[in-house]
PDB file of N, CA and C in Angstrom:
ATOM      1  N   UNK A   1      34.278 160.153-121.799  1.00  0.00           N
ATOM      2  CA  UNK A   1      34.772 158.884-121.398  1.00  0.00           C
ATOM      3  C   UNK A   1      36.115 158.609-122.019  1.00  0.00           C
ATOM      4  N   UNK A   2      37.063 158.097-121.230  1.00  0.00           N
ATOM      5  CA  UNK A   2      38.345 157.736-121.808  1.00  0.00           C
ATOM      6  C   UNK A   2      38.443 156.359-122.356  1.00  0.00           C
ATOM      7  N   UNK A   3      39.273 156.102-123.507  1.00  0.00           N
ATOM      8  CA  UNK A   3      39.423 154.904-124.187  1.00  0.00           C
ATOM      9  C   UNK A   3      40.694 154.061-123.746  1.00  0.00           C
ATOM     10  N   UNK A   4      41.336 154.584-122.639  1.00  0.00           N
ATOM     11  CA  UNK A   4      42.534 154.012-122.043  1.00  0.00           C
ATOM     12  C   UNK A   4      42.564 154.217-120.717  1.00  0.00           C
ATOM     13  N   UNK A   5      43.432 153.414-119.968  1.00  0.00           N
ATOM     14  CA  UNK A   5      43.704 153.644-118.491  1.00  0.00           C
ATOM     15  C   UNK A   5      45.083 154.284-118.231  1.00  0.00           C
ATOM     16  N   UNK A   6      45.661 154.806-119.206  1.00  0.00           N
ATOM     17  CA  UNK A   6      47.058 155.361-119.015  1.00  0.00           C
ATOM     18  C   UNK A   6      47.129 156.498-117.961  1.00  0.00           C
ATOM     19  N   UNK A   7      45.998 157.143-118.005  1.00  0.00           N
ATOM     20  CA  UNK A   7      46.048 158.488-117.057  1.00  0.00           C
ATOM     21  C   UNK A   7      45.697 157.949-115.674  1.00  0.00           C
ATOM     22  N   UNK A   8      45.368 156.806-115.360  1.00  0.00           N
ATOM     23  CA  UNK A   8      44.998 156.375-113.954  1.00  0.00           C
ATOM     24  C   UNK A   8      46.362 156.070-113.209  1.00  0.00           C
ATOM     25  N   UNK A   9      46.452 156.653-112.058  1.00  0.00           N
ATOM     26  CA  UNK A   9      47.632 156.421-111.277  1.00  0.00           C
ATOM     27  C   UNK A   9      47.099 155.798-109.934  1.00  0.00           C
ATOM     28  N   UNK A  10      47.879 154.905-109.452  1.00  0.00           N
ATOM     29  CA  UNK A  10      47.462 154.192-108.160  1.00  0.00           C
ATOM     30  C   UNK A  10      46.670 152.906-108.370  1.00  0.00           C
ATOM     31  N   UNK A  11      46.106 152.431-107.400  1.00  0.00           N
ATOM     32  CA  UNK A  11      45.511 151.131-107.386  1.00  0.00           C
ATOM     33  C   UNK A  11      43.986 151.249-107.733  1.00  0.00           C
ATOM     34  N   UNK A  12      43.527 150.188-108.353  1.00  0.00           N
ATOM     35  CA  UNK A  12      42.086 150.079-108.556  1.00  0.00           C
ATOM     36  C   UNK A  12      41.588 148.955-107.656  1.00  0.00           C
ATOM     37  N   UNK A  13      40.602 149.231-106.787  1.00  0.00           N
ATOM     38  CA  UNK A  13      40.043 148.161-106.022  1.00  0.00           C
ATOM     39  C   UNK A  13      38.603 147.902-106.329  1.00  0.00           C
ATOM     40  N   UNK A  14      38.376 146.673-106.550  1.00  0.00           N
ATOM     41  CA  UNK A  14      36.936 146.290-106.963  1.00  0.00           C
ATOM     42  C   UNK A  14      36.370 145.430-105.863  1.00  0.00           C
ATOM     43  N   UNK A  15      35.070 145.440-105.570  1.00  0.00           N
ATOM     44  CA  UNK A  15      34.451 144.453-104.761  1.00  0.00           C
ATOM     45  C   UNK A  15      33.096 143.991-105.241  1.00  0.00           C
ATOM     46  N   UNK A  16      32.643 142.881-105.028  1.00  0.00           N
ATOM     47  CA  UNK A  16      31.345 142.408-105.519  1.00  0.00           C
ATOM     48  C   UNK A  16      30.651 141.594-104.510  1.00  0.00           C
ATOM     49  N   UNK A  17      29.420 141.491-104.522  1.00  0.00           N
ATOM     50  CA  UNK A  17      28.556 140.601-103.732  1.00  0.00           C
ATOM     51  C   UNK A  17      27.724 139.754-104.620  1.00  0.00           C
ATOM     52  N   UNK A  18      27.606 138.488-104.311  1.00  0.00           N
ATOM     53  CA  UNK A  18      26.911 137.473-105.046  1.00  0.00           C
ATOM     54  C   UNK A  18      26.017 136.766-104.016  1.00  0.00           C
ATOM     55  N   UNK A  19      24.748 136.592-104.301  1.00  0.00           N
ATOM     56  CA  UNK A  19      23.943 135.676-103.604  1.00  0.00           C
ATOM     57  C   UNK A  19      23.401 134.567-104.545  1.00  0.00           C
ATOM     58  N   UNK A  20      23.928 133.323-104.204  1.00  0.00           N
ATOM     59  CA  UNK A  20      23.604 132.190-104.994  1.00  0.00           C
ATOM     60  C   UNK A  20      22.209 131.687-104.784  1.00  0.00           C
ATOM     61  N   UNK A  21      21.609 131.099-105.796  1.00  0.00           N
ATOM     62  CA  UNK A  21      20.291 130.530-105.663  1.00  0.00           C
ATOM     63  C   UNK A  21      20.334 129.290-104.675  1.00  0.00           C
ATOM     64  N   UNK A  22      19.337 128.943-104.057  1.00  0.00           N
ATOM     65  CA  UNK A  22      19.362 127.850-103.095  1.00  0.00           C
ATOM     66  C   UNK A  22      20.098 126.591-103.695  1.00  0.00           C
ATOM     67  N   UNK A  23      20.921 126.038-102.921  1.00  0.00           N
ATOM     68  CA  UNK A  23      21.696 124.841-103.428  1.00  0.00           C
ATOM     69  C   UNK A  23      22.634 125.071-104.530  1.00  0.00           C
ATOM     70  N   UNK A  24      23.088 126.271-104.799  1.00  0.00           N
ATOM     71  CA  UNK A  24      23.993 126.512-105.882  1.00  0.00           C
ATOM     72  C   UNK A  24      25.221 127.165-105.424  1.00  0.00           C
ATOM     73  N   UNK A  25      25.394 127.215-104.059  1.00  0.00           N
ATOM     74  CA  UNK A  25      26.497 127.926-103.519  1.00  0.00           C
ATOM     75  C   UNK A  25      27.901 127.237-103.861  1.00  0.00           C
ATOM     76  N   UNK A  26      27.853 125.916-104.020  1.00  0.00           N
ATOM     77  CA  UNK A  26      29.094 125.142-104.356  1.00  0.00           C
ATOM     78  C   UNK A  26      29.482 125.570-105.828  1.00  0.00           C
ATOM     79  N   UNK A  27      28.522 125.630-106.685  1.00  0.00           N
ATOM     80  CA  UNK A  27      28.752 125.934-108.071  1.00  0.00           C
ATOM     81  C   UNK A  27      29.352 127.366-108.271  1.00  0.00           C
ATOM     82  N   UNK A  28      28.770 128.298-107.491  1.00  0.00           N
ATOM     83  CA  UNK A  28      29.347 129.686-107.474  1.00  0.00           C
ATOM     84  C   UNK A  28      30.685 129.773-106.936  1.00  0.00           C
ATOM     85  N   UNK A  29      30.895 128.957-105.859  1.00  0.00           N
ATOM     86  CA  UNK A  29      32.232 128.898-105.351  1.00  0.00           C
ATOM     87  C   UNK A  29      33.304 128.436-106.271  1.00  0.00           C
ATOM     88  N   UNK A  30      32.955 127.338-107.116  1.00  0.00           N
ATOM     89  CA  UNK A  30      33.849 126.829-108.041  1.00  0.00           C
ATOM     90  C   UNK A  30      34.116 127.895-109.193  1.00  0.00           C
ATOM     91  N   UNK A  31      33.132 128.559-109.578  1.00  0.00           N
ATOM     92  CA  UNK A  31      33.289 129.613-110.622  1.00  0.00           C
ATOM     93  C   UNK A  31      34.182 130.776-110.069  1.00  0.00           C
ATOM     94  N   UNK A  32      33.931 131.183-108.882  1.00  0.00           N
ATOM     95  CA  UNK A  32      34.756 132.284-108.326  1.00  0.00           C
ATOM     96  C   UNK A  32      36.181 131.838-108.188  1.00  0.00           C
ATOM     97  N   UNK A  33      36.371 130.562-107.794  1.00  0.00           N
ATOM     98  CA  UNK A  33      37.698 130.028-107.621  1.00  0.00           C
ATOM     99  C   UNK A  33      38.406 130.071-108.928  1.00  0.00           C
ATOM    100  N   UNK A  34      37.761 129.679-110.013  1.00  0.00           N
ATOM    101  CA  UNK A  34      38.315 129.720-111.321  1.00  0.00           C
ATOM    102  C   UNK A  34      38.795 131.203-111.702  1.00  0.00           C
ATOM    103  N   UNK A  35      37.857 132.139-111.388  1.00  0.00           N
ATOM    104  CA  UNK A  35      38.254 133.455-111.667  1.00  0.00           C
ATOM    105  C   UNK A  35      39.420 133.975-110.853  1.00  0.00           C
ATOM    106  N   UNK A  36      39.437 133.568-109.592  1.00  0.00           N
ATOM    107  CA  UNK A  36      40.598 133.862-108.697  1.00  0.00           C
ATOM    108  C   UNK A  36      41.883 133.264-109.236  1.00  0.00           C
ATOM    109  N   UNK A  37      41.925 131.977-109.728  1.00  0.00           N
ATOM    110  CA  UNK A  37      43.129 131.378-110.250  1.00  0.00           C
ATOM    111  C   UNK A  37      43.565 132.219-111.426  1.00  0.00           C
ATOM    112  N   UNK A  38      42.679 132.565-112.295  1.00  0.00           N
ATOM    113  CA  UNK A  38      43.050 133.362-113.497  1.00  0.00           C
ATOM    114  C   UNK A  38      43.572 134.692-113.096  1.00  0.00           C
ATOM    115  N   UNK A  39      42.978 135.340-112.180  1.00  0.00           N
ATOM    116  CA  UNK A  39      43.292 136.718-111.822  1.00  0.00           C
ATOM    117  C   UNK A  39      44.675 136.707-111.155  1.00  0.00           C
ATOM    118  N   UNK A  40      45.025 135.689-110.420  1.00  0.00           N
ATOM    119  CA  UNK A  40      46.360 135.748-109.671  1.00  0.00           C
ATOM    120  C   UNK A  40      47.481 135.016-110.439  1.00  0.00           C
ATOM    121  N   UNK A  41      47.222 134.696-111.725  1.00  0.00           N
ATOM    122  CA  UNK A  41      48.173 133.988-112.585  1.00  0.00           C
ATOM    123  C   UNK A  41      48.965 135.139-113.395  1.00  0.00           C
ATOM    124  N   UNK A  42      49.885 134.602-114.156  1.00  0.00           N
ATOM    125  CA  UNK A  42      50.684 135.534-115.140  1.00  0.00           C
ATOM    126  C   UNK A  42      49.735 136.249-116.111  1.00  0.00           C
ATOM    127  N   UNK A  43      48.578 135.718-116.329  1.00  0.00           N
ATOM    128  CA  UNK A  43      47.713 136.188-117.346  1.00  0.00           C
ATOM    129  C   UNK A  43      47.131 137.635-116.914  1.00  0.00           C
ATOM    130  N   UNK A  44      47.139 137.833-115.688  1.00  0.00           N
ATOM    131  CA  UNK A  44      46.614 139.100-115.013  1.00  0.00           C
ATOM    132  C   UNK A  44      47.796 139.697-114.186  1.00  0.00           C
ATOM    133  N   UNK A  45      48.954 140.195-114.871  1.00  0.00           N
ATOM    134  CA  UNK A  45      50.107 140.663-114.054  1.00  0.00           C
ATOM    135  C   UNK A  45      49.835 141.794-112.968  1.00  0.00           C
ATOM    136  N   UNK A  46      48.795 142.605-113.375  1.00  0.00           N
ATOM    137  CA  UNK A  46      48.537 143.736-112.409  1.00  0.00           C
ATOM    138  C   UNK A  46      47.749 143.451-111.244  1.00  0.00           C
ATOM    139  N   UNK A  47      47.146 142.278-111.123  1.00  0.00           N
ATOM    140  CA  UNK A  47      46.278 141.867-110.011  1.00  0.00           C
ATOM    141  C   UNK A  47      47.204 141.573-108.746  1.00  0.00           C
ATOM    142  N   UNK A  48      46.926 142.293-107.733  1.00  0.00           N
ATOM    143  CA  UNK A  48      47.785 142.031-106.456  1.00  0.00           C
ATOM    144  C   UNK A  48      47.087 140.987-105.647  1.00  0.00           C
ATOM    145  N   UNK A  49      45.730 140.979-105.569  1.00  0.00           N
ATOM    146  CA  UNK A  49      45.093 140.042-104.852  1.00  0.00           C
ATOM    147  C   UNK A  49      43.631 139.894-105.268  1.00  0.00           C
ATOM    148  N   UNK A  50      43.113 138.729-105.062  1.00  0.00           N
ATOM    149  CA  UNK A  50      41.658 138.391-105.427  1.00  0.00           C
ATOM    150  C   UNK A  50      41.231 137.545-104.302  1.00  0.00           C
ATOM    151  N   UNK A  51      40.390 137.958-103.426  1.00  0.00           N
ATOM    152  CA  UNK A  51      39.832 137.162-102.258  1.00  0.00           C
ATOM    153  C   UNK A  51      38.439 136.901-102.423  1.00  0.00           C
ATOM    154  N   UNK A  52      38.015 135.817-101.859  1.00  0.00           N
ATOM    155  CA  UNK A  52      36.609 135.324-101.881  1.00  0.00           C
ATOM    156  C   UNK A  52      36.325 134.980-100.416  1.00  0.00           C
ATOM    157  N   UNK A  53      35.246 135.643 -99.965  1.00  0.00           N
ATOM    158  CA  UNK A  53      34.683 135.281 -98.611  1.00  0.00           C
ATOM    159  C   UNK A  53      33.243 134.713 -98.831  1.00  0.00           C
ATOM    160  N   UNK A  54      32.961 133.646 -98.057  1.00  0.00           N
ATOM    161  CA  UNK A  54      31.699 132.988 -98.273  1.00  0.00           C
ATOM    162  C   UNK A  54      30.959 132.696 -96.886  1.00  0.00           C
ATOM    163  N   UNK A  55      29.752 132.937 -96.827  1.00  0.00           N
ATOM    164  CA  UNK A  55      28.929 132.631 -95.784  1.00  0.00           C
ATOM    165  C   UNK A  55      27.625 131.949 -96.293  1.00  0.00           C
ATOM    166  N   UNK A  56      27.624 130.685 -96.261  1.00  0.00           N
ATOM    167  CA  UNK A  56      26.382 129.963 -96.888  1.00  0.00           C
ATOM    168  C   UNK A  56      26.397 130.201 -98.255  1.00  0.00           C
ATOM    169  N   UNK A  57      25.312 130.767 -98.861  1.00  0.00           N
ATOM    170  CA  UNK A  57      25.104 131.154-100.276  1.00  0.00           C
ATOM    171  C   UNK A  57      25.379 132.544-100.546  1.00  0.00           C
ATOM    172  N   UNK A  58      26.018 133.248 -99.555  1.00  0.00           N
ATOM    173  CA  UNK A  58      26.357 134.679 -99.850  1.00  0.00           C
ATOM    174  C   UNK A  58      27.928 134.806 -99.995  1.00  0.00           C
ATOM    175  N   UNK A  59      28.286 135.539-101.079  1.00  0.00           N
ATOM    176  CA  UNK A  59      29.796 135.624-101.329  1.00  0.00           C
ATOM    177  C   UNK A  59      30.128 137.083-101.480  1.00  0.00           C
ATOM    178  N   UNK A  60      31.302 137.380-101.070  1.00  0.00           N
ATOM    179  CA  UNK A  60      31.857 138.720-101.252  1.00  0.00           C
ATOM    180  C   UNK A  60      33.289 138.569-101.848  1.00  0.00           C
ATOM    181  N   UNK A  61      33.576 139.309-103.013  1.00  0.00           N
ATOM    182  CA  UNK A  61      34.840 139.293-103.644  1.00  0.00           C
ATOM    183  C   UNK A  61      35.600 140.618-103.548  1.00  0.00           C
ATOM    184  N   UNK A  62      36.832 140.589-103.402  1.00  0.00           N
ATOM    185  CA  UNK A  62      37.666 141.756-103.327  1.00  0.00           C
ATOM    186  C   UNK A  62      38.846 141.585-104.271  1.00  0.00           C
ATOM    187  N   UNK A  63      39.058 142.463-105.129  1.00  0.00           N
ATOM    188  CA  UNK A  63      40.180 142.389-106.031  1.00  0.00           C
ATOM    189  C   UNK A  63      40.994 143.827-106.073  1.00  0.00           C
ATOM    190  N   UNK A  64      42.300 143.589-106.011  1.00  0.00           N
ATOM    191  CA  UNK A  64      43.161 144.855-105.910  1.00  0.00           C
ATOM    192  C   UNK A  64      44.141 144.729-107.066  1.00  0.00           C
TER     193      UNK A  64
END
């Protein structure tokens, strides 16, 4: 296992799925929004995009 990412060339794409407990969707949305704000700020210069999709209590995130 490598201890650095220097050998990686190209983009890294991550996606995740989250299912909130009943009546917790808005709390999860707020947390994901905070992550999105951080990811797309100067503090994460390599992040090209961070997207959140929501359907009720189901969330899908995509980061490039």
